[in-house]
């Protein structure tokens, strides 16, 4: 970035770094890169989530500190933190948004005022899968979702999730497209969600 080892990094420097370099720096406790990326570049991302939930944090910085701990603490089972398990199948900022949303979804109540860009309850769309797999998927970019679906080993399960939750088709329409009767469909539906949940766990999204 510079011939001088003492020059302070700027946001322009951070934008030139790859996601891999940023992750490695944060894991290595690089204070400068962590501050610029996590607390400055991603501040609007965290603030948008902070304003949606009734957290016990006094301000957004305290909330960001909580998310930082959430992704950095190592699991007693795997020995890895969530950030160390990030598989780079989506952008780092989108991964952070998903992890933050679902952290809040699990432990905090939503504020009564619904954000303008949020879909109302009952919409037949991607986020309806959340009740069964515990993740708010409508925050995924379609390109990132395609990568996650592509990791599913069973093609029919992958198509089932796509038809039902990405394209918003009904159970009956999805069963018809897959050539299944409804009894078979509901069984495969359960297995498809289970397989997709395993992908999300592997990518540290839940």
N, C-alpha and C. Protein backbone atom coordinates (compact mmCIF):
# COMPACT_ATOMS: atom_id res chain seq x y z
N UNK A 1 0.82 -1.20 0.00
CA UNK A 1 0.00 0.00 0.00
C UNK A 1 0.86 1.26 0.00
N UNK A 2 2.01 1.15 0.68
CA UNK A 2 2.90 2.30 0.74
C UNK A 2 4.29 1.81 1.08
N UNK A 3 5.31 2.56 0.63
CA UNK A 3 6.68 2.19 0.95
C UNK A 3 7.00 2.50 2.41
N UNK A 4 6.19 3.37 3.03
CA UNK A 4 6.42 3.75 4.42
C UNK A 4 5.62 2.86 5.36
N UNK A 5 6.30 2.13 6.25
CA UNK A 5 5.58 1.24 7.17
C UNK A 5 4.80 2.00 8.24
N UNK A 6 5.09 3.32 8.37
CA UNK A 6 4.46 4.11 9.41
C UNK A 6 3.25 4.89 8.92
N UNK A 7 2.97 4.84 7.62
CA UNK A 7 1.81 5.59 7.10
C UNK A 7 0.52 4.95 7.59
N UNK A 8 -0.38 5.78 8.09
CA UNK A 8 -1.65 5.26 8.57
C UNK A 8 -2.52 4.84 7.40
N UNK A 9 -3.23 3.75 7.56
CA UNK A 9 -4.12 3.27 6.51
C UNK A 9 -5.32 4.20 6.36
N UNK A 10 -5.86 4.24 5.18
CA UNK A 10 -7.05 5.03 4.89
C UNK A 10 -8.16 4.10 4.41
N UNK A 11 -9.37 4.65 4.27
CA UNK A 11 -10.47 3.86 3.75
C UNK A 11 -10.20 3.40 2.32
N UNK A 12 -9.47 4.20 1.57
CA UNK A 12 -9.10 3.81 0.20
C UNK A 12 -8.24 2.55 0.23
N UNK A 13 -7.36 2.46 1.21
CA UNK A 13 -6.53 1.26 1.35
C UNK A 13 -7.39 0.03 1.65
N UNK A 14 -8.38 0.22 2.53
CA UNK A 14 -9.26 -0.89 2.90
C UNK A 14 -10.03 -1.38 1.68
N UNK A 15 -10.49 -0.46 0.86
CA UNK A 15 -11.26 -0.85 -0.33
C UNK A 15 -10.43 -1.66 -1.32
N UNK A 16 -9.12 -1.51 -1.25
CA UNK A 16 -8.25 -2.26 -2.17
C UNK A 16 -7.95 -3.66 -1.67
N UNK A 17 -8.22 -3.91 -0.39
CA UNK A 17 -7.93 -5.23 0.17
C UNK A 17 -9.00 -6.24 -0.22
N UNK A 18 -8.60 -7.47 -0.42
CA UNK A 18 -9.55 -8.55 -0.69
C UNK A 18 -10.24 -8.94 0.61
N UNK A 19 -11.39 -9.60 0.48
CA UNK A 19 -12.09 -10.09 1.67
C UNK A 19 -11.18 -11.02 2.48
N UNK A 20 -10.42 -11.85 1.79
CA UNK A 20 -9.53 -12.80 2.47
C UNK A 20 -8.49 -12.06 3.31
N UNK A 21 -7.92 -11.00 2.75
CA UNK A 21 -6.92 -10.22 3.48
C UNK A 21 -7.53 -9.55 4.70
N UNK A 22 -8.75 -9.05 4.56
CA UNK A 22 -9.42 -8.40 5.68
C UNK A 22 -9.73 -9.40 6.78
N UNK A 23 -10.25 -10.56 6.40
CA UNK A 23 -10.57 -11.60 7.39
C UNK A 23 -9.30 -12.02 8.14
N UNK A 24 -8.23 -12.23 7.41
CA UNK A 24 -6.98 -12.64 8.05
C UNK A 24 -6.48 -11.57 9.01
N UNK A 25 -6.64 -10.31 8.63
CA UNK A 25 -6.18 -9.21 9.48
C UNK A 25 -7.02 -9.11 10.76
N UNK A 26 -8.34 -9.28 10.63
CA UNK A 26 -9.21 -9.20 11.80
C UNK A 26 -8.94 -10.36 12.75
N UNK A 27 -8.78 -11.56 12.18
CA UNK A 27 -8.47 -12.73 13.01
C UNK A 27 -7.13 -12.55 13.73
N UNK A 28 -6.17 -11.90 13.05
CA UNK A 28 -4.85 -11.65 13.64
C UNK A 28 -4.87 -10.46 14.60
N UNK A 29 -6.05 -9.90 14.86
CA UNK A 29 -6.23 -8.77 15.78
C UNK A 29 -5.50 -7.52 15.30
N UNK A 30 -5.50 -7.30 13.98
CA UNK A 30 -4.93 -6.06 13.43
C UNK A 30 -5.89 -4.92 13.77
N UNK A 31 -5.51 -4.10 14.75
CA UNK A 31 -6.41 -3.07 15.28
C UNK A 31 -6.79 -2.03 14.22
N UNK A 32 -5.83 -1.67 13.38
CA UNK A 32 -6.09 -0.61 12.40
C UNK A 32 -7.08 -1.06 11.33
N UNK A 33 -6.85 -2.24 10.77
CA UNK A 33 -7.75 -2.75 9.74
C UNK A 33 -9.11 -3.07 10.34
N UNK A 34 -9.12 -3.63 11.54
CA UNK A 34 -10.40 -3.94 12.20
C UNK A 34 -11.21 -2.67 12.40
N UNK A 35 -10.57 -1.61 12.88
CA UNK A 35 -11.27 -0.35 13.13
C UNK A 35 -11.82 0.24 11.83
N UNK A 36 -11.00 0.29 10.80
CA UNK A 36 -11.43 0.90 9.54
C UNK A 36 -12.54 0.09 8.87
N UNK A 37 -12.37 -1.22 8.84
CA UNK A 37 -13.38 -2.04 8.15
C UNK A 37 -14.62 -2.24 9.00
N UNK A 38 -14.43 -2.72 10.22
CA UNK A 38 -15.56 -3.13 11.06
C UNK A 38 -16.33 -1.95 11.62
N UNK A 39 -15.60 -0.95 12.11
CA UNK A 39 -16.24 0.16 12.81
C UNK A 39 -16.51 1.39 11.95
N UNK A 40 -15.88 1.46 10.78
CA UNK A 40 -16.11 2.62 9.92
C UNK A 40 -16.81 2.23 8.61
N UNK A 41 -16.19 1.37 7.82
CA UNK A 41 -16.80 0.99 6.56
C UNK A 41 -18.15 0.30 6.76
N UNK A 42 -18.22 -0.59 7.75
CA UNK A 42 -19.45 -1.37 7.97
C UNK A 42 -20.40 -0.71 8.97
N UNK A 43 -20.07 0.48 9.43
CA UNK A 43 -20.93 1.14 10.42
C UNK A 43 -22.37 1.30 9.92
N UNK A 44 -22.60 1.77 8.67
CA UNK A 44 -23.99 1.90 8.20
C UNK A 44 -24.74 0.57 8.19
N UNK A 45 -24.04 -0.50 7.87
CA UNK A 45 -24.65 -1.83 7.88
C UNK A 45 -25.13 -2.19 9.29
N UNK A 46 -24.24 -2.04 10.26
CA UNK A 46 -24.60 -2.38 11.63
C UNK A 46 -25.67 -1.45 12.19
N UNK A 47 -25.59 -0.17 11.81
CA UNK A 47 -26.57 0.80 12.32
C UNK A 47 -27.97 0.48 11.83
N UNK A 48 -28.08 0.04 10.57
CA UNK A 48 -29.39 -0.28 10.01
C UNK A 48 -30.03 -1.45 10.76
N UNK A 49 -29.21 -2.41 11.19
CA UNK A 49 -29.73 -3.54 11.95
C UNK A 49 -30.03 -3.11 13.39
N UNK A 50 -29.13 -2.35 13.97
CA UNK A 50 -29.30 -1.86 15.35
C UNK A 50 -30.61 -1.11 15.52
N UNK A 51 -30.99 -0.33 14.51
CA UNK A 51 -32.20 0.48 14.59
C UNK A 51 -33.47 -0.34 14.44
N UNK A 52 -33.36 -1.59 14.03
CA UNK A 52 -34.53 -2.45 13.83
C UNK A 52 -34.91 -3.25 15.06
N UNK A 53 -33.96 -3.40 16.00
CA UNK A 53 -34.19 -4.31 17.13
C UNK A 53 -34.10 -3.60 18.47
N UNK A 54 -34.80 -4.12 19.44
CA UNK A 54 -34.77 -3.60 20.81
C UNK A 54 -33.63 -4.29 21.55
N UNK A 55 -32.42 -3.83 21.32
CA UNK A 55 -31.26 -4.43 21.97
C UNK A 55 -31.06 -3.80 23.34
N UNK A 56 -30.15 -4.38 24.11
CA UNK A 56 -29.82 -3.79 25.40
C UNK A 56 -28.54 -2.96 25.32
N UNK A 57 -28.13 -2.61 24.10
CA UNK A 57 -26.94 -1.80 23.90
C UNK A 57 -27.30 -0.31 23.97
N UNK A 58 -26.45 0.48 24.58
CA UNK A 58 -26.76 1.90 24.75
C UNK A 58 -26.59 2.68 23.45
N UNK A 59 -25.75 2.20 22.54
CA UNK A 59 -25.56 2.87 21.26
C UNK A 59 -25.04 1.86 20.24
N UNK A 60 -24.86 2.33 19.01
CA UNK A 60 -24.46 1.44 17.92
C UNK A 60 -23.05 0.88 18.11
N UNK A 61 -22.15 1.67 18.67
CA UNK A 61 -20.78 1.19 18.89
C UNK A 61 -20.78 0.00 19.85
N UNK A 62 -21.57 0.10 20.90
CA UNK A 62 -21.66 -1.03 21.84
C UNK A 62 -22.25 -2.26 21.14
N UNK A 63 -23.21 -2.02 20.25
CA UNK A 63 -23.80 -3.10 19.47
C UNK A 63 -22.75 -3.75 18.56
N UNK A 64 -21.93 -2.92 17.92
CA UNK A 64 -20.88 -3.44 17.04
C UNK A 64 -19.88 -4.27 17.86
N UNK A 65 -19.58 -3.79 19.06
CA UNK A 65 -18.68 -4.57 19.93
C UNK A 65 -19.25 -5.95 20.21
N UNK A 66 -20.57 -6.00 20.40
CA UNK A 66 -21.22 -7.28 20.69
C UNK A 66 -21.15 -8.23 19.49
N UNK A 67 -21.35 -7.68 18.30
CA UNK A 67 -21.25 -8.49 17.08
C UNK A 67 -19.82 -8.96 16.88
N UNK A 68 -18.87 -8.08 17.16
CA UNK A 68 -17.46 -8.45 17.04
C UNK A 68 -17.14 -9.67 17.91
N UNK A 69 -17.58 -9.62 19.15
CA UNK A 69 -17.37 -10.74 20.06
C UNK A 69 -18.06 -12.00 19.52
N UNK A 70 -19.28 -11.82 19.01
CA UNK A 70 -20.06 -12.94 18.48
C UNK A 70 -19.34 -13.69 17.37
N UNK A 71 -18.65 -12.97 16.50
CA UNK A 71 -17.99 -13.64 15.36
C UNK A 71 -16.55 -14.04 15.67
N UNK A 72 -16.00 -13.54 16.80
CA UNK A 72 -14.60 -13.82 17.11
C UNK A 72 -14.40 -14.90 18.17
N UNK A 73 -15.40 -15.13 19.01
CA UNK A 73 -15.25 -16.14 20.06
C UNK A 73 -15.23 -17.53 19.44
N UNK A 74 -14.30 -18.34 19.84
CA UNK A 74 -14.16 -19.68 19.28
C UNK A 74 -15.16 -20.64 19.91
N UNK A 75 -15.69 -21.53 19.08
CA UNK A 75 -16.63 -22.55 19.53
C UNK A 75 -15.90 -23.61 20.36
N UNK A 76 -16.53 -24.05 21.43
CA UNK A 76 -15.93 -25.10 22.25
C UNK A 76 -15.94 -26.45 21.52
N UNK A 77 -16.83 -26.56 20.53
CA UNK A 77 -16.93 -27.83 19.78
C UNK A 77 -15.92 -27.91 18.65
N UNK A 78 -15.80 -26.83 17.87
CA UNK A 78 -14.94 -26.86 16.68
C UNK A 78 -13.58 -26.21 16.90
N UNK A 79 -13.49 -25.35 17.91
CA UNK A 79 -12.25 -24.62 18.13
C UNK A 79 -12.08 -23.44 17.20
N UNK A 80 -13.11 -23.19 16.37
CA UNK A 80 -13.04 -22.09 15.40
C UNK A 80 -14.10 -21.03 15.72
N UNK A 81 -13.78 -19.80 15.40
CA UNK A 81 -14.77 -18.73 15.51
C UNK A 81 -15.62 -18.72 14.26
N UNK A 82 -16.74 -17.98 14.31
CA UNK A 82 -17.57 -17.85 13.12
C UNK A 82 -16.78 -17.25 11.96
N UNK A 83 -15.97 -16.24 12.26
CA UNK A 83 -15.21 -15.59 11.19
C UNK A 83 -14.19 -16.53 10.59
N UNK A 84 -13.58 -17.37 11.42
CA UNK A 84 -12.61 -18.35 10.90
C UNK A 84 -13.29 -19.38 10.02
N UNK A 85 -14.59 -19.59 10.22
CA UNK A 85 -15.33 -20.56 9.42
C UNK A 85 -15.95 -19.97 8.17
N UNK A 86 -15.79 -18.66 7.95
CA UNK A 86 -16.34 -18.01 6.76
C UNK A 86 -15.73 -18.64 5.51
N UNK A 87 -16.61 -19.11 4.60
CA UNK A 87 -16.13 -19.85 3.44
C UNK A 87 -15.97 -19.06 2.17
N UNK A 88 -16.19 -17.73 2.20
CA UNK A 88 -16.02 -16.86 1.04
C UNK A 88 -16.93 -17.23 -0.12
N UNK A 89 -18.11 -17.79 0.19
CA UNK A 89 -19.09 -18.08 -0.85
C UNK A 89 -20.05 -16.93 -1.07
N UNK A 90 -19.88 -15.87 -0.29
CA UNK A 90 -20.56 -14.60 -0.54
C UNK A 90 -19.60 -13.51 -0.11
N UNK A 91 -19.95 -12.25 -0.32
CA UNK A 91 -19.04 -11.19 0.08
C UNK A 91 -18.98 -11.10 1.61
N UNK A 92 -17.90 -10.58 2.12
CA UNK A 92 -17.73 -10.46 3.56
C UNK A 92 -18.79 -9.54 4.17
N UNK A 93 -19.09 -8.43 3.50
CA UNK A 93 -20.10 -7.51 4.04
C UNK A 93 -21.48 -8.15 4.07
N UNK A 94 -21.81 -8.92 3.05
CA UNK A 94 -23.12 -9.58 3.04
C UNK A 94 -23.18 -10.67 4.11
N UNK A 95 -22.08 -11.38 4.30
CA UNK A 95 -22.01 -12.39 5.36
C UNK A 95 -22.22 -11.74 6.72
N UNK A 96 -21.58 -10.61 6.94
CA UNK A 96 -21.73 -9.89 8.21
C UNK A 96 -23.17 -9.46 8.43
N UNK A 97 -23.81 -9.00 7.37
CA UNK A 97 -25.20 -8.56 7.48
C UNK A 97 -26.11 -9.72 7.87
N UNK A 98 -25.91 -10.87 7.23
CA UNK A 98 -26.72 -12.05 7.52
C UNK A 98 -26.50 -12.52 8.95
N UNK A 99 -25.24 -12.63 9.35
CA UNK A 99 -24.91 -13.09 10.71
C UNK A 99 -25.47 -12.13 11.75
N UNK A 100 -25.35 -10.83 11.50
CA UNK A 100 -25.86 -9.82 12.43
C UNK A 100 -27.38 -9.87 12.54
N UNK A 101 -28.05 -9.96 11.39
CA UNK A 101 -29.51 -10.05 11.38
C UNK A 101 -29.99 -11.25 12.17
N UNK A 102 -29.35 -12.38 11.97
CA UNK A 102 -29.82 -13.59 12.61
C UNK A 102 -29.43 -13.68 14.07
N UNK A 103 -28.34 -13.04 14.44
CA UNK A 103 -27.99 -12.91 15.85
C UNK A 103 -29.10 -12.13 16.56
N UNK A 104 -29.51 -11.02 15.97
CA UNK A 104 -30.58 -10.20 16.56
C UNK A 104 -31.92 -10.93 16.51
N UNK A 105 -32.17 -11.61 15.41
CA UNK A 105 -33.44 -12.33 15.24
C UNK A 105 -33.65 -13.36 16.35
N UNK A 106 -32.55 -13.95 16.81
CA UNK A 106 -32.63 -15.01 17.80
C UNK A 106 -32.76 -14.49 19.23
N UNK A 107 -32.21 -13.31 19.54
CA UNK A 107 -32.19 -12.89 20.94
C UNK A 107 -32.89 -11.56 21.23
N UNK A 108 -33.22 -10.79 20.19
CA UNK A 108 -33.87 -9.50 20.43
C UNK A 108 -35.22 -9.42 19.74
N UNK A 109 -36.09 -8.59 20.27
CA UNK A 109 -37.38 -8.34 19.63
C UNK A 109 -37.24 -7.23 18.60
N UNK A 110 -38.03 -7.35 17.54
CA UNK A 110 -38.05 -6.28 16.55
C UNK A 110 -38.82 -5.09 17.10
N UNK A 111 -38.40 -3.90 16.72
CA UNK A 111 -39.16 -2.71 17.08
C UNK A 111 -40.48 -2.73 16.35
N UNK A 112 -41.47 -2.10 16.93
CA UNK A 112 -42.81 -2.14 16.36
C UNK A 112 -42.88 -1.50 14.99
N UNK A 113 -42.08 -0.45 14.79
CA UNK A 113 -42.10 0.22 13.49
C UNK A 113 -41.35 -0.62 12.47
N UNK A 114 -42.03 -1.03 11.40
CA UNK A 114 -41.41 -1.85 10.38
C UNK A 114 -40.70 -0.97 9.36
N UNK A 115 -39.43 -1.25 9.06
CA UNK A 115 -38.73 -0.47 8.04
C UNK A 115 -39.45 -0.49 6.71
N UNK A 116 -39.31 0.58 5.95
CA UNK A 116 -40.02 0.72 4.68
C UNK A 116 -39.68 -0.40 3.71
N UNK A 117 -38.40 -0.81 3.71
CA UNK A 117 -37.98 -1.80 2.71
C UNK A 117 -38.26 -3.23 3.12
N UNK A 118 -38.88 -3.43 4.28
CA UNK A 118 -39.13 -4.80 4.74
C UNK A 118 -40.48 -5.29 4.25
N UNK A 119 -40.53 -6.53 3.84
CA UNK A 119 -41.78 -7.09 3.35
C UNK A 119 -42.70 -7.40 4.51
N UNK A 120 -44.00 -7.22 4.38
CA UNK A 120 -44.92 -7.51 5.47
C UNK A 120 -45.01 -9.00 5.75
N UNK A 121 -45.42 -9.35 6.98
CA UNK A 121 -45.59 -10.76 7.32
C UNK A 121 -46.64 -11.39 6.41
N UNK A 122 -46.41 -12.65 6.07
CA UNK A 122 -47.36 -13.36 5.24
C UNK A 122 -47.01 -13.34 3.77
N UNK A 123 -45.98 -12.60 3.37
CA UNK A 123 -45.60 -12.58 1.96
C UNK A 123 -45.02 -13.93 1.60
N UNK A 124 -45.38 -14.43 0.45
CA UNK A 124 -44.95 -15.76 0.02
C UNK A 124 -43.61 -15.62 -0.68
N UNK A 125 -42.55 -15.49 0.11
CA UNK A 125 -41.25 -15.23 -0.47
C UNK A 125 -40.16 -15.92 0.32
N UNK A 126 -38.93 -15.61 -0.01
CA UNK A 126 -37.77 -16.31 0.54
C UNK A 126 -37.72 -16.28 2.05
N UNK A 127 -38.11 -15.17 2.68
CA UNK A 127 -37.96 -15.08 4.13
C UNK A 127 -38.93 -15.97 4.89
N UNK A 128 -39.91 -16.58 4.22
CA UNK A 128 -40.83 -17.47 4.93
C UNK A 128 -40.16 -18.77 5.36
N UNK A 129 -39.03 -19.06 4.82
CA UNK A 129 -38.32 -20.27 5.24
C UNK A 129 -37.72 -20.11 6.63
N UNK A 130 -37.69 -18.89 7.15
CA UNK A 130 -37.02 -18.62 8.41
C UNK A 130 -37.63 -19.38 9.58
N UNK A 131 -38.93 -19.59 9.58
CA UNK A 131 -39.56 -20.27 10.71
C UNK A 131 -39.03 -21.68 10.89
N UNK A 132 -38.65 -22.31 9.79
CA UNK A 132 -38.23 -23.69 9.88
C UNK A 132 -36.72 -23.88 9.94
N UNK A 133 -35.95 -22.91 9.46
CA UNK A 133 -34.50 -23.09 9.51
C UNK A 133 -33.81 -22.00 10.31
N UNK A 134 -34.55 -21.04 10.82
CA UNK A 134 -33.98 -20.08 11.75
C UNK A 134 -33.04 -19.06 11.15
N UNK A 135 -33.26 -18.64 9.93
CA UNK A 135 -32.42 -17.61 9.32
C UNK A 135 -33.26 -16.76 8.40
N UNK A 136 -32.97 -15.46 8.39
CA UNK A 136 -33.72 -14.52 7.57
C UNK A 136 -33.05 -14.41 6.21
N UNK A 137 -33.50 -15.19 5.25
CA UNK A 137 -32.79 -15.33 3.98
C UNK A 137 -33.03 -14.19 3.00
N UNK A 138 -34.03 -13.34 3.23
CA UNK A 138 -34.25 -12.31 2.22
C UNK A 138 -33.17 -11.24 2.26
N UNK A 139 -32.22 -11.33 3.21
CA UNK A 139 -31.10 -10.42 3.23
C UNK A 139 -29.96 -10.90 2.34
N UNK A 140 -30.08 -12.09 1.79
CA UNK A 140 -29.07 -12.61 0.87
C UNK A 140 -29.22 -11.98 -0.51
N UNK A 141 -28.11 -11.58 -1.12
CA UNK A 141 -28.13 -11.20 -2.52
C UNK A 141 -28.39 -12.45 -3.34
N UNK A 142 -29.05 -12.30 -4.49
CA UNK A 142 -29.37 -13.47 -5.31
C UNK A 142 -28.11 -14.21 -5.77
N UNK A 143 -27.05 -13.45 -6.06
CA UNK A 143 -25.82 -14.11 -6.50
C UNK A 143 -25.23 -14.95 -5.38
N UNK A 144 -25.31 -14.45 -4.14
CA UNK A 144 -24.81 -15.21 -3.00
C UNK A 144 -25.70 -16.42 -2.73
N UNK A 145 -27.01 -16.23 -2.89
CA UNK A 145 -27.94 -17.33 -2.69
C UNK A 145 -27.69 -18.43 -3.71
N UNK A 146 -27.42 -18.05 -4.95
CA UNK A 146 -27.12 -19.04 -5.99
C UNK A 146 -25.90 -19.89 -5.60
N UNK A 147 -24.89 -19.26 -5.01
CA UNK A 147 -23.70 -19.99 -4.59
C UNK A 147 -24.04 -20.99 -3.49
N UNK A 148 -24.88 -20.56 -2.55
CA UNK A 148 -25.27 -21.45 -1.45
C UNK A 148 -26.11 -22.61 -1.95
N UNK A 149 -27.06 -22.32 -2.84
CA UNK A 149 -27.88 -23.39 -3.40
C UNK A 149 -27.03 -24.36 -4.20
N UNK A 150 -26.01 -23.83 -4.87
CA UNK A 150 -25.14 -24.68 -5.68
C UNK A 150 -24.33 -25.66 -4.84
N UNK A 151 -24.25 -25.40 -3.53
CA UNK A 151 -23.52 -26.29 -2.64
C UNK A 151 -24.37 -27.47 -2.19
N UNK A 152 -25.68 -27.44 -2.49
CA UNK A 152 -26.55 -28.56 -2.12
C UNK A 152 -26.27 -29.74 -3.03
N UNK A 153 -26.06 -30.91 -2.45
CA UNK A 153 -25.67 -32.08 -3.23
C UNK A 153 -26.84 -32.67 -4.04
N UNK A 154 -28.07 -32.47 -3.56
CA UNK A 154 -29.23 -33.05 -4.23
C UNK A 154 -29.89 -32.00 -5.13
N UNK A 155 -29.89 -32.25 -6.43
CA UNK A 155 -30.42 -31.26 -7.38
C UNK A 155 -31.91 -30.99 -7.18
N UNK A 156 -32.68 -32.03 -6.87
CA UNK A 156 -34.13 -31.83 -6.69
C UNK A 156 -34.41 -30.98 -5.45
N UNK A 157 -33.63 -31.20 -4.40
CA UNK A 157 -33.80 -30.38 -3.20
C UNK A 157 -33.45 -28.93 -3.52
N UNK A 158 -32.41 -28.75 -4.30
CA UNK A 158 -31.98 -27.40 -4.69
C UNK A 158 -33.08 -26.71 -5.48
N UNK A 159 -33.70 -27.43 -6.41
CA UNK A 159 -34.78 -26.86 -7.22
C UNK A 159 -36.00 -26.58 -6.35
N UNK A 160 -36.26 -27.45 -5.39
CA UNK A 160 -37.41 -27.25 -4.51
C UNK A 160 -37.27 -25.95 -3.73
N UNK A 161 -36.09 -25.72 -3.15
CA UNK A 161 -35.86 -24.48 -2.41
C UNK A 161 -35.97 -23.28 -3.34
N UNK A 162 -35.43 -23.39 -4.54
CA UNK A 162 -35.47 -22.27 -5.49
C UNK A 162 -36.91 -21.96 -5.91
N UNK A 163 -37.66 -22.98 -6.32
CA UNK A 163 -39.04 -22.76 -6.77
C UNK A 163 -39.89 -22.18 -5.64
N UNK A 164 -39.76 -22.80 -4.46
CA UNK A 164 -40.67 -22.45 -3.37
C UNK A 164 -40.34 -21.10 -2.72
N UNK A 165 -39.04 -20.87 -2.48
CA UNK A 165 -38.66 -19.71 -1.68
C UNK A 165 -38.03 -18.56 -2.46
N UNK A 166 -37.35 -18.87 -3.56
CA UNK A 166 -36.77 -17.80 -4.37
C UNK A 166 -37.80 -17.25 -5.34
N UNK A 167 -38.48 -18.16 -6.05
CA UNK A 167 -39.48 -17.74 -7.04
C UNK A 167 -40.86 -17.51 -6.41
N UNK A 168 -41.05 -17.96 -5.17
CA UNK A 168 -42.30 -17.72 -4.48
C UNK A 168 -43.48 -18.54 -4.97
N UNK A 169 -43.22 -19.71 -5.52
CA UNK A 169 -44.32 -20.56 -6.00
C UNK A 169 -44.99 -21.25 -4.81
N UNK A 170 -46.22 -21.67 -5.01
CA UNK A 170 -46.95 -22.37 -3.95
C UNK A 170 -46.42 -23.80 -3.83
N UNK A 171 -46.79 -24.47 -2.73
CA UNK A 171 -46.40 -25.88 -2.56
C UNK A 171 -46.92 -26.73 -3.71
N UNK A 172 -48.16 -26.48 -4.12
CA UNK A 172 -48.77 -27.26 -5.20
C UNK A 172 -48.04 -27.03 -6.53
N UNK A 173 -47.70 -25.78 -6.82
CA UNK A 173 -46.98 -25.48 -8.06
C UNK A 173 -45.59 -26.12 -8.05
N UNK A 174 -44.93 -26.04 -6.91
CA UNK A 174 -43.58 -26.61 -6.81
C UNK A 174 -43.63 -28.12 -6.97
N UNK A 175 -44.60 -28.76 -6.33
CA UNK A 175 -44.74 -30.21 -6.47
C UNK A 175 -44.98 -30.59 -7.92
N UNK A 176 -45.82 -29.82 -8.61
CA UNK A 176 -46.10 -30.09 -10.02
C UNK A 176 -44.86 -29.97 -10.88
N UNK A 177 -44.07 -28.92 -10.64
CA UNK A 177 -42.84 -28.72 -11.42
C UNK A 177 -41.83 -29.84 -11.20
N UNK A 178 -41.86 -30.43 -10.01
CA UNK A 178 -40.92 -31.50 -9.69
C UNK A 178 -41.50 -32.89 -9.95
N UNK A 179 -42.75 -32.94 -10.40
CA UNK A 179 -43.38 -34.22 -10.70
C UNK A 179 -43.64 -35.08 -9.48
N UNK A 180 -44.02 -34.43 -8.38
CA UNK A 180 -44.26 -35.17 -7.13
C UNK A 180 -45.72 -35.08 -6.73
N UNK A 181 -46.22 -36.14 -6.06
CA UNK A 181 -47.52 -35.99 -5.41
C UNK A 181 -47.29 -35.24 -4.09
N UNK A 182 -48.35 -34.77 -3.48
CA UNK A 182 -48.18 -33.89 -2.32
C UNK A 182 -47.57 -34.60 -1.12
N UNK A 183 -47.91 -35.87 -0.91
CA UNK A 183 -47.32 -36.60 0.22
C UNK A 183 -45.80 -36.68 0.07
N UNK A 184 -45.38 -37.03 -1.14
CA UNK A 184 -43.95 -37.13 -1.43
C UNK A 184 -43.29 -35.75 -1.33
N UNK A 185 -44.00 -34.75 -1.83
CA UNK A 185 -43.47 -33.38 -1.82
C UNK A 185 -43.18 -32.91 -0.39
N UNK A 186 -44.11 -33.09 0.53
CA UNK A 186 -43.91 -32.59 1.88
C UNK A 186 -42.74 -33.30 2.57
N UNK A 187 -42.55 -34.57 2.26
CA UNK A 187 -41.41 -35.29 2.81
C UNK A 187 -40.10 -34.73 2.24
N UNK A 188 -40.06 -34.52 0.91
CA UNK A 188 -38.86 -33.97 0.27
C UNK A 188 -38.62 -32.53 0.70
N UNK A 189 -39.70 -31.79 0.93
CA UNK A 189 -39.61 -30.41 1.39
C UNK A 189 -38.84 -30.34 2.71
N UNK A 190 -39.20 -31.22 3.63
CA UNK A 190 -38.53 -31.27 4.93
C UNK A 190 -37.05 -31.61 4.78
N UNK A 191 -36.74 -32.58 3.93
CA UNK A 191 -35.35 -32.99 3.72
C UNK A 191 -34.54 -31.91 3.02
N UNK A 192 -35.19 -31.20 2.09
CA UNK A 192 -34.50 -30.12 1.36
C UNK A 192 -34.11 -29.01 2.32
N UNK A 193 -35.03 -28.65 3.22
CA UNK A 193 -34.71 -27.59 4.19
C UNK A 193 -33.61 -28.05 5.15
N UNK A 194 -33.63 -29.33 5.50
CA UNK A 194 -32.59 -29.86 6.38
C UNK A 194 -31.22 -29.77 5.71
N UNK A 195 -31.18 -30.14 4.41
CA UNK A 195 -29.90 -30.08 3.70
C UNK A 195 -29.42 -28.64 3.54
N UNK A 196 -30.36 -27.71 3.27
CA UNK A 196 -29.98 -26.32 3.12
C UNK A 196 -29.49 -25.75 4.45
N UNK A 197 -30.12 -26.18 5.54
CA UNK A 197 -29.68 -25.73 6.86
C UNK A 197 -28.25 -26.18 7.14
N UNK A 198 -27.90 -27.38 6.70
CA UNK A 198 -26.54 -27.87 6.89
C UNK A 198 -25.53 -27.00 6.14
N UNK A 199 -25.93 -26.53 4.93
CA UNK A 199 -25.06 -25.63 4.17
C UNK A 199 -24.87 -24.33 4.94
N UNK A 200 -25.95 -23.79 5.48
CA UNK A 200 -25.88 -22.52 6.22
C UNK A 200 -25.01 -22.67 7.47
N UNK A 201 -25.10 -23.82 8.13
CA UNK A 201 -24.26 -24.07 9.29
C UNK A 201 -22.79 -24.15 8.89
N UNK A 202 -22.53 -24.81 7.77
CA UNK A 202 -21.16 -24.94 7.29
C UNK A 202 -20.56 -23.58 6.99
N UNK A 203 -21.40 -22.67 6.47
CA UNK A 203 -20.91 -21.33 6.14
C UNK A 203 -21.00 -20.37 7.32
N UNK A 204 -21.32 -20.90 8.51
CA UNK A 204 -21.40 -20.10 9.74
C UNK A 204 -22.45 -19.00 9.64
N UNK A 205 -23.52 -19.25 8.91
CA UNK A 205 -24.60 -18.26 8.79
C UNK A 205 -25.64 -18.47 9.87
N UNK A 206 -25.66 -19.64 10.47
CA UNK A 206 -26.55 -19.91 11.61
C UNK A 206 -25.76 -20.65 12.68
